PDB file of N, CA and C in Angstrom:
ATOM      1  N   MET A   1     -46.788 -10.055 -67.635  1.00  0.00           N
ATOM      2  CA  MET A   1     -45.444  -9.539 -67.787  1.00  0.00           C
ATOM      3  C   MET A   1     -44.756 -10.155 -69.012  1.00  0.00           C
ATOM      4  N   GLN A   2     -45.036 -11.426 -69.258  1.00  0.00           N
ATOM      5  CA  GLN A   2     -44.424 -12.104 -70.402  1.00  0.00           C
ATOM      6  C   GLN A   2     -44.871 -11.453 -71.709  1.00  0.00           C
ATOM      7  N   LYS A   3     -46.136 -11.108 -71.822  1.00  0.00           N
ATOM      8  CA  LYS A   3     -46.649 -10.506 -73.050  1.00  0.00           C
ATOM      9  C   LYS A   3     -46.025  -9.119 -73.280  1.00  0.00           C
ATOM     10  N   PHE A   4     -45.880  -8.361 -72.201  1.00  0.00           N
ATOM     11  CA  PHE A   4     -45.276  -7.031 -72.318  1.00  0.00           C
ATOM     12  C   PHE A   4     -43.818  -7.152 -72.746  1.00  0.00           C
ATOM     13  N   ARG A   5     -43.112  -8.117 -72.177  1.00  0.00           N
ATOM     14  CA  ARG A   5     -41.719  -8.341 -72.549  1.00  0.00           C
ATOM     15  C   ARG A   5     -41.620  -8.729 -74.022  1.00  0.00           C
ATOM     16  N   GLY A   6     -42.563  -9.525 -74.505  1.00  0.00           N
ATOM     17  CA  GLY A   6     -42.568  -9.909 -75.915  1.00  0.00           C
ATOM     18  C   GLY A   6     -42.784  -8.731 -76.839  1.00  0.00           C
ATOM     19  N   ILE A   7     -43.696  -7.854 -76.473  1.00  0.00           N
ATOM     20  CA  ILE A   7     -43.942  -6.664 -77.295  1.00  0.00           C
ATOM     21  C   ILE A   7     -42.724  -5.752 -77.286  1.00  0.00           C
ATOM     22  N   LEU A   8     -42.099  -5.598 -76.108  1.00  0.00           N
ATOM     23  CA  LEU A   8     -40.908  -4.761 -76.008  1.00  0.00           C
ATOM     24  C   LEU A   8     -39.762  -5.340 -76.843  1.00  0.00           C
ATOM     25  N   MET A   9     -39.559  -6.637 -76.775  1.00  0.00           N
ATOM     26  CA  MET A   9     -38.521  -7.275 -77.591  1.00  0.00           C
ATOM     27  C   MET A   9     -38.818  -7.110 -79.078  1.00  0.00           C
ATOM     28  N   ALA A  10     -40.078  -7.251 -79.458  1.00  0.00           N
ATOM     29  CA  ALA A  10     -40.448  -7.114 -80.861  1.00  0.00           C
ATOM     30  C   ALA A  10     -40.167  -5.712 -81.375  1.00  0.00           C
ATOM     31  N   VAL A  11     -40.467  -4.708 -80.569  1.00  0.00           N
ATOM     32  CA  VAL A  11     -40.245  -3.322 -80.991  1.00  0.00           C
ATOM     33  C   VAL A  11     -38.752  -3.031 -81.125  1.00  0.00           C
ATOM     34  N   VAL A  12     -37.965  -3.490 -80.156  1.00  0.00           N
ATOM     35  CA  VAL A  12     -36.524  -3.219 -80.191  1.00  0.00           C
ATOM     36  C   VAL A  12     -35.873  -3.924 -81.388  1.00  0.00           C
ATOM     37  N   ILE A  13     -36.203  -5.181 -81.608  1.00  0.00           N
ATOM     38  CA  ILE A  13     -35.597  -5.911 -82.725  1.00  0.00           C
ATOM     39  C   ILE A  13     -36.092  -5.373 -84.063  1.00  0.00           C
ATOM     40  N   ALA A  14     -37.360  -5.004 -84.147  1.00  0.00           N
ATOM     41  CA  ALA A  14     -37.885  -4.436 -85.393  1.00  0.00           C
ATOM     42  C   ALA A  14     -37.205  -3.115 -85.714  1.00  0.00           C
ATOM     43  N   ALA A  15     -36.921  -2.315 -84.693  1.00  0.00           N
ATOM     44  CA  ALA A  15     -36.208  -1.053 -84.929  1.00  0.00           C
ATOM     45  C   ALA A  15     -34.798  -1.331 -85.442  1.00  0.00           C
ATOM     46  N   GLY A  16     -34.153  -2.346 -84.890  1.00  0.00           N
ATOM     47  CA  GLY A  16     -32.821  -2.709 -85.369  1.00  0.00           C
ATOM     48  C   GLY A  16     -32.849  -3.211 -86.801  1.00  0.00           C
ATOM     49  N   VAL A  17     -33.854  -3.999 -87.145  1.00  0.00           N
ATOM     50  CA  VAL A  17     -33.981  -4.494 -88.522  1.00  0.00           C
ATOM     51  C   VAL A  17     -34.239  -3.336 -89.476  1.00  0.00           C
ATOM     52  N   ALA A  18     -35.060  -2.390 -89.082  1.00  0.00           N
ATOM     53  CA  ALA A  18     -35.334  -1.232 -89.940  1.00  0.00           C
ATOM     54  C   ALA A  18     -34.081  -0.393 -90.138  1.00  0.00           C
ATOM     55  N   ALA A  19     -33.314  -0.199 -89.071  1.00  0.00           N
ATOM     56  CA  ALA A  19     -32.071   0.569 -89.196  1.00  0.00           C
ATOM     57  C   ALA A  19     -31.073  -0.161 -90.089  1.00  0.00           C
ATOM     58  N   PHE A  20     -30.948  -1.472 -89.911  1.00  0.00           N
ATOM     59  CA  PHE A  20     -30.031  -2.254 -90.741  1.00  0.00           C
ATOM     60  C   PHE A  20     -30.429  -2.184 -92.210  1.00  0.00           C
ATOM     61  N   ALA A  21     -31.714  -2.352 -92.494  1.00  0.00           N
ATOM     62  CA  ALA A  21     -32.170  -2.338 -93.887  1.00  0.00           C
ATOM     63  C   ALA A  21     -31.995  -0.964 -94.520  1.00  0.00           C
ATOM     64  N   THR A  22     -32.166   0.078 -93.729  1.00  0.00           N
ATOM     65  CA  THR A  22     -32.064   1.430 -94.279  1.00  0.00           C
ATOM     66  C   THR A  22     -30.605   1.837 -94.480  1.00  0.00           C
ATOM     67  N   VAL A  23     -29.771   1.603 -93.467  1.00  0.00           N
ATOM     68  CA  VAL A  23     -28.395   2.102 -93.521  1.00  0.00           C
ATOM     69  C   VAL A  23     -27.499   1.209 -94.375  1.00  0.00           C
ATOM     70  N   TRP A  24     -27.478  -0.093 -94.102  1.00  0.00           N
ATOM     71  CA  TRP A  24     -26.529  -0.956 -94.784  1.00  0.00           C
ATOM     72  C   TRP A  24     -27.052  -1.483 -96.116  1.00  0.00           C
ATOM     73  N   LEU A  25     -28.318  -1.777 -96.193  1.00  0.00           N
ATOM     74  CA  LEU A  25     -28.862  -2.305 -97.434  1.00  0.00           C
ATOM     75  C   LEU A  25     -29.405  -1.212 -98.355  1.00  0.00           C
ATOM     76  N   HIS A  26     -29.411   0.040 -97.878  1.00  0.00           N
ATOM     77  CA  HIS A  26     -29.902   1.192 -98.642  1.00  0.00           C
ATOM     78  C   HIS A  26     -31.319   0.962 -99.165  1.00  0.00           C
ATOM     79  N   ALA A  27     -32.161   0.408 -98.312  1.00  0.00           N
ATOM     80  CA  ALA A  27     -33.549   0.160 -98.688  1.00  0.00           C
ATOM     81  C   ALA A  27     -34.356   1.446 -98.555  1.00  0.00           C
ATOM     82  N   VAL A  28     -35.416   1.516 -99.294  1.00  0.00           N
ATOM     83  CA  VAL A  28     -36.347   2.633 -99.168  1.00  0.00           C
ATOM     84  C   VAL A  28     -36.944   2.561 -97.758  1.00  0.00           C
ATOM     85  N   PRO A  29     -37.086   3.686 -97.066  1.00  0.00           N
ATOM     86  CA  PRO A  29     -37.580   3.634 -95.680  1.00  0.00           C
ATOM     87  C   PRO A  29     -38.930   2.932 -95.523  1.00  0.00           C
ATOM     88  N   GLU A  30     -39.816   3.072 -96.489  1.00  0.00           N
ATOM     89  CA  GLU A  30     -41.110   2.408 -96.391  1.00  0.00           C
ATOM     90  C   GLU A  30     -40.954   0.883 -96.448  1.00  0.00           C
ATOM     91  N   VAL A  31     -40.075   0.411 -97.322  1.00  0.00           N
ATOM     92  CA  VAL A  31     -39.833  -1.024 -97.430  1.00  0.00           C
ATOM     93  C   VAL A  31     -39.150  -1.533 -96.164  1.00  0.00           C
ATOM     94  N   ALA A  32     -38.203  -0.765 -95.631  1.00  0.00           N
ATOM     95  CA  ALA A  32     -37.521  -1.157 -94.394  1.00  0.00           C
ATOM     96  C   ALA A  32     -38.509  -1.234 -93.235  1.00  0.00           C
ATOM     97  N   LEU A  33     -39.428  -0.290 -93.162  1.00  0.00           N
ATOM     98  CA  LEU A  33     -40.440  -0.334 -92.094  1.00  0.00           C
ATOM     99  C   LEU A  33     -41.391  -1.510 -92.278  1.00  0.00           C
ATOM    100  N   ALA A  34     -41.722  -1.845 -93.511  1.00  0.00           N
ATOM    101  CA  ALA A  34     -42.604  -2.993 -93.752  1.00  0.00           C
ATOM    102  C   ALA A  34     -41.916  -4.289 -93.339  1.00  0.00           C
ATOM    103  N   ILE A  35     -40.644  -4.434 -93.698  1.00  0.00           N
ATOM    104  CA  ILE A  35     -39.891  -5.625 -93.295  1.00  0.00           C
ATOM    105  C   ILE A  35     -39.788  -5.687 -91.779  1.00  0.00           C
ATOM    106  N   ALA A  36     -39.491  -4.570 -91.160  1.00  0.00           N
ATOM    107  CA  ALA A  36     -39.364  -4.526 -89.701  1.00  0.00           C
ATOM    108  C   ALA A  36     -40.696  -4.836 -89.023  1.00  0.00           C
ATOM    109  N   ALA A  37     -41.793  -4.378 -89.601  1.00  0.00           N
ATOM    110  CA  ALA A  37     -43.105  -4.669 -89.014  1.00  0.00           C
ATOM    111  C   ALA A  37     -43.415  -6.159 -89.088  1.00  0.00           C
ATOM    112  N   ILE A  38     -43.071  -6.788 -90.202  1.00  0.00           N
ATOM    113  CA  ILE A  38     -43.302  -8.227 -90.339  1.00  0.00           C
ATOM    114  C   ILE A  38     -42.473  -8.998 -89.319  1.00  0.00           C
ATOM    115  N   VAL A  39     -41.201  -8.632 -89.176  1.00  0.00           N
ATOM    116  CA  VAL A  39     -40.334  -9.302 -88.203  1.00  0.00           C
ATOM    117  C   VAL A  39     -40.852  -9.060 -86.782  1.00  0.00           C
ATOM    118  N   GLY A  40     -41.266  -7.828 -86.496  1.00  0.00           N
ATOM    119  CA  GLY A  40     -41.772  -7.507 -85.158  1.00  0.00           C
ATOM    120  C   GLY A  40     -43.030  -8.271 -84.807  1.00  0.00           C
ATOM    121  N   VAL A  41     -43.942  -8.388 -85.749  1.00  0.00           N
ATOM    122  CA  VAL A  41     -45.177  -9.131 -85.494  1.00  0.00           C
ATOM    123  C   VAL A  41     -44.872 -10.616 -85.294  1.00  0.00           C
ATOM    124  N   ALA A  42     -43.945 -11.147 -86.072  1.00  0.00           N
ATOM    125  CA  ALA A  42     -43.577 -12.560 -85.922  1.00  0.00           C
ATOM    126  C   ALA A  42     -42.976 -12.817 -84.546  1.00  0.00           C
ATOM    127  N   ILE A  43     -42.110 -11.937 -84.088  1.00  0.00           N
ATOM    128  CA  ILE A  43     -41.516 -12.102 -82.756  1.00  0.00           C
ATOM    129  C   ILE A  43     -42.580 -11.978 -81.680  1.00  0.00           C
ATOM    130  N   ALA A  44     -43.467 -11.010 -81.809  1.00  0.00           N
ATOM    131  CA  ALA A  44     -44.522 -10.839 -80.808  1.00  0.00           C
ATOM    132  C   ALA A  44     -45.434 -12.060 -80.758  1.00  0.00           C
ATOM    133  N   LEU A  45     -45.721 -12.662 -81.902  1.00  0.00           N
ATOM    134  CA  LEU A  45     -46.569 -13.853 -81.916  1.00  0.00           C
ATOM    135  C   LEU A  45     -45.885 -15.043 -81.254  1.00  0.00           C
ATOM    136  N   VAL A  46     -44.608 -15.226 -81.521  1.00  0.00           N
ATOM    137  CA  VAL A  46     -43.885 -16.350 -80.930  1.00  0.00           C
ATOM    138  C   VAL A  46     -43.762 -16.178 -79.425  1.00  0.00           C
ATOM    139  N   VAL A  47     -43.369 -14.998 -78.989  1.00  0.00           N
ATOM    140  CA  VAL A  47     -43.201 -14.756 -77.551  1.00  0.00           C
ATOM    141  C   VAL A  47     -44.558 -14.740 -76.854  1.00  0.00           C
ATOM    142  N   GLY A  48     -45.567 -14.283 -77.530  1.00  0.00           N
ATOM    143  CA  GLY A  48     -46.892 -14.215 -76.918  1.00  0.00           C
ATOM    144  C   GLY A  48     -47.538 -15.563 -76.687  1.00  0.00           C
ATOM    145  N   THR A  49     -47.074 -16.598 -77.387  1.00  0.00           N
ATOM    146  CA  THR A  49     -47.661 -17.915 -77.198  1.00  0.00           C
ATOM    147  C   THR A  49     -46.951 -18.729 -76.123  1.00  0.00           C
ATOM    148  N   ARG A  50     -45.919 -18.196 -75.529  1.00  0.00           N
ATOM    149  CA  ARG A  50     -45.242 -18.909 -74.443  1.00  0.00           C
ATOM    150  C   ARG A  50     -46.145 -18.983 -73.229  1.00  0.00           C
ATOM    151  N   THR A  51     -45.908 -19.993 -72.411  1.00  0.00           N
ATOM    152  CA  THR A  51     -46.642 -20.082 -71.161  1.00  0.00           C
ATOM    153  C   THR A  51     -45.817 -19.469 -70.052  1.00  0.00           C
ATOM    154  N   ASP A  52     -46.479 -18.913 -69.095  1.00  0.00           N
ATOM    155  CA  ASP A  52     -45.793 -18.359 -67.936  1.00  0.00           C
ATOM    156  C   ASP A  52     -46.422 -18.933 -66.673  1.00  0.00           C
ATOM    157  N   ALA A  53     -46.055 -18.397 -65.528  1.00  0.00           N
ATOM    158  CA  ALA A  53     -46.539 -18.926 -64.250  1.00  0.00           C
ATOM    159  C   ALA A  53     -48.057 -18.791 -64.134  1.00  0.00           C
ATOM    160  N   HIS A  54     -48.624 -17.720 -64.670  1.00  0.00           N
ATOM    161  CA  HIS A  54     -50.071 -17.515 -64.601  1.00  0.00           C
ATOM    162  C   HIS A  54     -50.802 -18.603 -65.393  1.00  0.00           C
ATOM    163  N   ASP A  55     -50.292 -18.931 -66.572  1.00  0.00           N
ATOM    164  CA  ASP A  55     -50.919 -19.972 -67.386  1.00  0.00           C
ATOM    165  C   ASP A  55     -50.823 -21.336 -66.717  1.00  0.00           C
ATOM    166  N   GLU A  56     -49.681 -21.629 -66.102  1.00  0.00           N
ATOM    167  CA  GLU A  56     -49.523 -22.905 -65.401  1.00  0.00           C
ATOM    168  C   GLU A  56     -50.446 -22.986 -64.191  1.00  0.00           C
ATOM    169  N   ALA A  57     -50.624 -21.864 -63.481  1.00  0.00           N
ATOM    170  CA  ALA A  57     -51.533 -21.851 -62.334  1.00  0.00           C
ATOM    171  C   ALA A  57     -52.979 -22.039 -62.793  1.00  0.00           C
ATOM    172  N   ALA A  58     -53.340 -21.429 -63.914  1.00  0.00           N
ATOM    173  CA  ALA A  58     -54.695 -21.593 -64.442  1.00  0.00           C
ATOM    174  C   ALA A  58     -54.937 -23.037 -64.875  1.00  0.00           C
ATOM    175  N   ASP A  59     -53.923 -23.681 -65.460  1.00  0.00           N
ATOM    176  CA  ASP A  59     -54.066 -25.074 -65.863  1.00  0.00           C
ATOM    177  C   ASP A  59     -54.209 -25.977 -64.643  1.00  0.00           C
ATOM    178  N   ALA A  60     -53.440 -25.705 -63.597  1.00  0.00           N
ATOM    179  CA  ALA A  60     -53.550 -26.500 -62.371  1.00  0.00           C
ATOM    180  C   ALA A  60     -54.925 -26.317 -61.730  1.00  0.00           C
ATOM    181  N   ALA A  61     -55.450 -25.095 -61.751  1.00  0.00           N
ATOM    182  CA  ALA A  61     -56.775 -24.839 -61.190  1.00  0.00           C
ATOM    183  C   ALA A  61     -57.847 -25.571 -62.005  1.00  0.00           C
ATOM    184  N   TRP A  62     -57.682 -25.614 -63.316  1.00  0.00           N
ATOM    185  CA  TRP A  62     -58.635 -26.322 -64.169  1.00  0.00           C
ATOM    186  C   TRP A  62     -58.639 -27.813 -63.850  1.00  0.00           C
ATOM    187  N   ARG A  63     -57.455 -28.374 -63.654  1.00  0.00           N
ATOM    188  CA  ARG A  63     -57.372 -29.801 -63.345  1.00  0.00           C
ATOM    189  C   ARG A  63     -57.983 -30.120 -61.981  1.00  0.00           C
ATOM    190  N   LEU A  64     -57.848 -29.207 -61.026  1.00  0.00           N
ATOM    191  CA  LEU A  64     -58.464 -29.422 -59.715  1.00  0.00           C
ATOM    192  C   LEU A  64     -59.984 -29.298 -59.784  1.00  0.00           C
ATOM    193  N   ALA A  65     -60.459 -28.362 -60.605  1.00  0.00           N
ATOM    194  CA  ALA A  65     -61.898 -28.122 -60.685  1.00  0.00           C
ATOM    195  C   ALA A  65     -62.612 -29.223 -61.473  1.00  0.00           C
ATOM    196  N   ALA A  66     -61.958 -29.773 -62.472  1.00  0.00           N
ATOM    197  CA  ALA A  66     -62.588 -30.790 -63.315  1.00  0.00           C
ATOM    198  C   ALA A  66     -61.617 -31.948 -63.495  1.00  0.00           C
ATOM    199  N   PRO A  67     -61.489 -32.802 -62.508  1.00  0.00           N
ATOM    200  CA  PRO A  67     -60.492 -33.871 -62.618  1.00  0.00           C
ATOM    201  C   PRO A  67     -60.845 -34.935 -63.661  1.00  0.00           C
ATOM    202  N   GLY A  68     -62.106 -35.058 -64.032  1.00  0.00           N
ATOM    203  CA  GLY A  68     -62.496 -36.077 -65.000  1.00  0.00           C
ATOM    204  C   GLY A  68     -62.259 -35.682 -66.437  1.00  0.00           C
ATOM    205  N   LEU A  69     -62.032 -34.400 -66.688  1.00  0.00           N
ATOM    206  CA  LEU A  69     -61.847 -33.940 -68.058  1.00  0.00           C
ATOM    207  C   LEU A  69     -60.363 -33.901 -68.411  1.00  0.00           C
ATOM    208  N   PRO A  70     -60.005 -34.294 -69.631  1.00  0.00           N
ATOM    209  CA  PRO A  70     -58.592 -34.208 -70.009  1.00  0.00           C
ATOM    210  C   PRO A  70     -58.220 -32.750 -70.281  1.00  0.00           C
ATOM    211  N   PRO A  71     -56.983 -32.394 -70.040  1.00  0.00           N
ATOM    212  CA  PRO A  71     -56.574 -31.027 -70.360  1.00  0.00           C
ATOM    213  C   PRO A  71     -56.597 -30.792 -71.863  1.00  0.00           C
ATOM    214  N   GLY A  72     -56.905 -29.583 -72.248  1.00  0.00           N
ATOM    215  CA  GLY A  72     -56.999 -29.265 -73.668  1.00  0.00           C
ATOM    216  C   GLY A  72     -55.665 -29.311 -74.376  1.00  0.00           C
ATOM    217  N   SER A  73     -54.575 -29.198 -73.647  1.00  0.00           N
ATOM    218  CA  SER A  73     -53.262 -29.184 -74.277  1.00  0.00           C
ATOM    219  C   SER A  73     -52.573 -30.539 -74.225  1.00  0.00           C
ATOM    220  N   ASP A  74     -53.274 -31.581 -73.817  1.00  0.00           N
ATOM    221  CA  ASP A  74     -52.669 -32.908 -73.734  1.00  0.00           C
ATOM    222  C   ASP A  74     -52.700 -33.544 -75.118  1.00  0.00           C
ATOM    223  N   ARG A  75     -51.640 -33.354 -75.859  1.00  0.00           N
ATOM    224  CA  ARG A  75     -51.585 -33.785 -77.250  1.00  0.00           C
ATOM    225  C   ARG A  75     -51.666 -35.303 -77.372  1.00  0.00           C
ATOM    226  N   ALA A  76     -51.028 -36.012 -76.456  1.00  0.00           N
ATOM    227  CA  ALA A  76     -51.039 -37.475 -76.540  1.00  0.00           C
ATOM    228  C   ALA A  76     -52.454 -38.014 -76.374  1.00  0.00           C
ATOM    229  N   ALA A  77     -53.215 -37.441 -75.438  1.00  0.00           N
ATOM    230  CA  ALA A  77     -54.585 -37.906 -75.239  1.00  0.00           C
ATOM    231  C   ALA A  77     -55.456 -37.585 -76.454  1.00  0.00           C
ATOM    232  N   LEU A  78     -55.231 -36.425 -77.061  1.00  0.00           N
ATOM    233  CA  LEU A  78     -56.015 -36.068 -78.242  1.00  0.00           C
ATOM    234  C   LEU A  78     -55.700 -36.998 -79.419  1.00  0.00           C
ATOM    235  N   GLU A  79     -54.420 -37.343 -79.581  1.00  0.00           N
ATOM    236  CA  GLU A  79     -54.064 -38.238 -80.680  1.00  0.00           C
ATOM    237  C   GLU A  79     -54.600 -39.644 -80.455  1.00  0.00           C
ATOM    238  N   LEU A  80     -54.606 -40.098 -79.213  1.00  0.00           N
ATOM    239  CA  LEU A  80     -55.174 -41.415 -78.933  1.00  0.00           C
ATOM    240  C   LEU A  80     -56.669 -41.443 -79.228  1.00  0.00           C
ATOM    241  N   GLY A  81     -57.352 -40.347 -78.917  1.00  0.00           N
ATOM    242  CA  GLY A  81     -58.775 -40.265 -79.195  1.00  0.00           C
ATOM    243  C   GLY A  81     -59.071 -40.280 -80.684  1.00  0.00           C
ATOM    244  N   GLN A  82     -58.195 -39.684 -81.470  1.00  0.00           N
ATOM    245  CA  GLN A  82     -58.418 -39.633 -82.909  1.00  0.00           C
ATOM    246  C   GLN A  82     -58.113 -40.959 -83.586  1.00  0.00           C
ATOM    247  N   ARG A  83     -57.299 -41.786 -82.979  1.00  0.00           N
ATOM    248  CA  ARG A  83     -56.984 -43.078 -83.590  1.00  0.00           C
ATOM    249  C   ARG A  83     -58.210 -43.974 -83.686  1.00  0.00           C
ATOM    250  N   SER A  84     -59.102 -43.838 -82.735  1.00  0.00           N
ATOM    251  CA  SER A  84     -60.266 -44.722 -82.736  1.00  0.00           C
ATOM    252  C   SER A  84     -61.398 -44.212 -83.624  1.00  0.00           C
ATOM    253  N   MET A  85     -61.259 -43.030 -84.199  1.00  0.00           N
ATOM    254  CA  MET A  85     -62.301 -42.490 -85.062  1.00  0.00           C
ATOM    255  C   MET A  85     -62.291 -43.210 -86.405  1.00  0.00           C
ATOM    256  N   PRO A  86     -63.467 -43.520 -86.944  1.00  0.00           N
ATOM    257  CA  PRO A  86     -63.490 -44.176 -88.253  1.00  0.00           C
ATOM    258  C   PRO A  86     -63.083 -43.192 -89.340  1.00  0.00           C
ATOM    259  N   GLY A  87     -62.445 -43.713 -90.342  1.00  0.00           N
ATOM    260  CA  GLY A  87     -62.002 -42.879 -91.445  1.00  0.00           C
ATOM    261  C   GLY A  87     -62.404 -43.488 -92.759  1.00  0.00           C
ATOM    262  N   PRO A  88     -62.026 -42.880 -93.853  1.00  0.00           N
ATOM    263  CA  PRO A  88     -62.374 -43.432 -95.165  1.00  0.00           C
ATOM    264  C   PRO A  88     -61.623 -44.733 -95.393  1.00  0.00           C
ATOM    265  N   GLU A  89     -62.234 -45.599 -96.157  1.00  0.00           N
ATOM    266  CA  GLU A  89     -61.614 -46.873 -96.479  1.00  0.00           C
ATOM    267  C   GLU A  89     -60.470 -46.638 -97.456  1.00  0.00           C
ATOM    268  N   ARG A  90     -59.418 -47.405 -97.279  1.00  0.00           N
ATOM    269  CA  ARG A  90     -58.299 -47.294 -98.206  1.00  0.00           C
ATOM    270  C   ARG A  90     -58.631 -48.047 -99.487  1.00  0.00           C
ATOM    271  N   PRO A  91     -58.230 -47.530-100.640  1.00  0.00           N
ATOM    272  CA  PRO A  91     -58.486 -48.241-101.891  1.00  0.00           C
ATOM    273  C   PRO A  91     -57.624 -49.493-101.947  1.00  0.00           C
ATOM    274  N   THR A  92     -58.166 -50.504-102.589  1.00  0.00           N
ATOM    275  CA  THR A  92     -57.417 -51.747-102.717  1.00  0.00           C
ATOM    276  C   THR A  92     -56.297 -51.541-103.726  1.00  0.00           C
ATOM    277  N   PRO A  93     -55.128 -52.086-103.453  1.00  0.00           N
ATOM    278  CA  PRO A  93     -54.017 -51.896-104.397  1.00  0.00           C
ATOM    279  C   PRO A  93     -54.272 -52.657-105.687  1.00  0.00           C
ATOM    280  N   VAL A  94     -53.845 -52.084-106.782  1.00  0.00           N
ATOM    281  CA  VAL A  94     -54.002 -52.685-108.101  1.00  0.00           C
ATOM    282  C   VAL A  94     -52.882 -53.693-108.292  1.00  0.00           C
ATOM    283  N   ALA A  95     -53.220 -54.881-108.801  1.00  0.00           N
ATOM    284  CA  ALA A  95     -52.213 -55.909-109.033  1.00  0.00           C
ATOM    285  C   ALA A  95     -51.253 -55.441-110.109  1.00  0.00           C
ATOM    286  N   SER A  96     -49.974 -55.619-109.871  1.00  0.00           N
ATOM    287  CA  SER A  96     -48.975 -55.182-110.841  1.00  0.00           C
ATOM    288  C   SER A  96     -48.661 -56.314-111.813  1.00  0.00           C
ATOM    289  N   SER A  97     -47.956 -55.984-112.855  1.00  0.00           N
ATOM    290  CA  SER A  97     -47.591 -56.976-113.859  1.00  0.00           C
ATOM    291  C   SER A  97     -46.538 -57.922-113.290  1.00  0.00           C
ATOM    292  N   PRO A  98     -46.380 -59.092-113.900  1.00  0.00           N
ATOM    293  CA  PRO A  98     -45.390 -60.045-113.395  1.00  0.00           C
ATOM    294  C   PRO A  98     -43.980 -59.484-113.406  1.00  0.00           C
ATOM    295  N   GLU A  99     -43.652 -58.686-114.387  1.00  0.00           N
ATOM    296  CA  GLU A  99     -42.312 -58.111-114.454  1.00  0.00           C
ATOM    297  C   GLU A  99     -42.192 -56.904-113.529  1.00  0.00           C
ATOM    298  N   GLY A 100     -43.301 -56.355-113.136  1.00  0.00           N
ATOM    299  CA  GLY A 100     -43.299 -55.219-112.228  1.00  0.00           C
ATOM    300  C   GLY A 100     -43.164 -53.869-112.913  1.00  0.00           C
ATOM    301  N   SER A 101     -43.213 -53.844-114.233  1.00  0.00           N
ATOM    302  CA  SER A 101     -43.083 -52.566-114.919  1.00  0.00           C
ATOM    303  C   SER A 101     -44.434 -52.164-115.492  1.00  0.00           C
ATOM    304  N   PRO A 102     -44.716 -50.876-115.524  1.00  0.00           N
ATOM    305  CA  PRO A 102     -46.002 -50.437-116.091  1.00  0.00           C
ATOM    306  C   PRO A 102     -46.100 -50.708-117.590  1.00  0.00           C
ATOM    307  N   ALA A 103     -44.976 -50.799-118.298  1.00  0.00           N
ATOM    308  CA  ALA A 103     -45.022 -51.030-119.736  1.00  0.00           C
ATOM    309  C   ALA A 103     -45.510 -52.431-120.046  1.00  0.00           C
ATOM    310  N   ALA A 104     -45.263 -53.368-119.142  1.00  0.00           N
ATOM    311  CA  ALA A 104     -45.707 -54.744-119.376  1.00  0.00           C
ATOM    312  C   ALA A 104     -47.226 -54.838-119.346  1.00  0.00           C
ATOM    313  N   ASP A 105     -47.881 -53.946-118.610  1.00  0.00           N
ATOM    314  CA  ASP A 105     -49.341 -53.947-118.553  1.00  0.00           C
ATOM    315  C   ASP A 105     -49.953 -53.471-119.867  1.00  0.00           C
ATOM    316  N   LEU A 106     -49.220 -52.682-120.635  1.00  0.00           N
ATOM    317  CA  LEU A 106     -49.762 -52.100-121.850  1.00  0.00           C
ATOM    318  C   LEU A 106     -49.627 -53.046-123.056  1.00  0.00           C
ATOM    319  N   GLN A 107     -48.757 -53.997-122.947  1.00  0.00           N
ATOM    320  CA  GLN A 107     -48.534 -54.907-124.081  1.00  0.00           C
ATOM    321  C   GLN A 107     -49.667 -55.916-124.192  1.00  0.00           C
ATOM    322  N   ASP A 108     -49.894 -56.360-125.412  1.00  0.00           N
ATOM    323  CA  ASP A 108     -50.878 -57.397-125.677  1.00  0.00           C
ATOM    324  C   ASP A 108     -50.317 -58.732-125.167  1.00  0.00           C
ATOM    325  N   PRO A 109     -51.054 -59.463-124.344  1.00  0.00           N
ATOM    326  CA  PRO A 109     -50.498 -60.701-123.780  1.00  0.00           C
ATOM    327  C   PRO A 109     -50.188 -61.752-124.824  1.00  0.00           C
ATOM    328  N   GLY A 110     -50.792 -61.678-125.989  1.00  0.00           N
ATOM    329  CA  GLY A 110     -50.533 -62.688-127.003  1.00  0.00           C
ATOM    330  C   GLY A 110     -49.337 -62.383-127.868  1.00  0.00           C
ATOM    331  N   VAL A 111     -48.744 -61.224-127.758  1.00  0.00           N
ATOM    332  CA  VAL A 111     -47.645 -60.831-128.628  1.00  0.00           C
ATOM    333  C   VAL A 111     -46.375 -60.738-127.800  1.00  0.00           C
ATOM    334  N   ASN A 112     -45.371 -61.452-128.181  1.00  0.00           N
ATOM    335  CA  ASN A 112     -44.054 -61.358-127.533  1.00  0.00           C
ATOM    336  C   ASN A 112     -43.137 -60.535-128.416  1.00  0.00           C
ATOM    337  N   ILE A 113     -42.500 -59.608-127.812  1.00  0.00           N
ATOM    338  CA  ILE A 113     -41.587 -58.749-128.598  1.00  0.00           C
ATOM    339  C   ILE A 113     -40.172 -59.089-128.215  1.00  0.00           C
TER     340      ILE A 113
END
């Protein structure tokens, strides 16, 4: 039901955007329909990714069936797992000049200006 509601909302809002672009902005109908289609698809994607009661029931059933496995949507557990993974070594920082400016590194140490 949630997905159907999302598609219905996307169609209604996209029609309103197309009417607004055509009537008030005097856009070419093809351009207005393209803009409305982009807005409609964006709304459908956002609403379609929401969870509803069916998704929550499926997640609860998964946890009952496999209690030893972490849920796939547990972001904190996934981030903790990634912290222990080895990564590339960080480069050692280059020693800076005594004055702290890059121009001091370019000067000849024997010449004072």
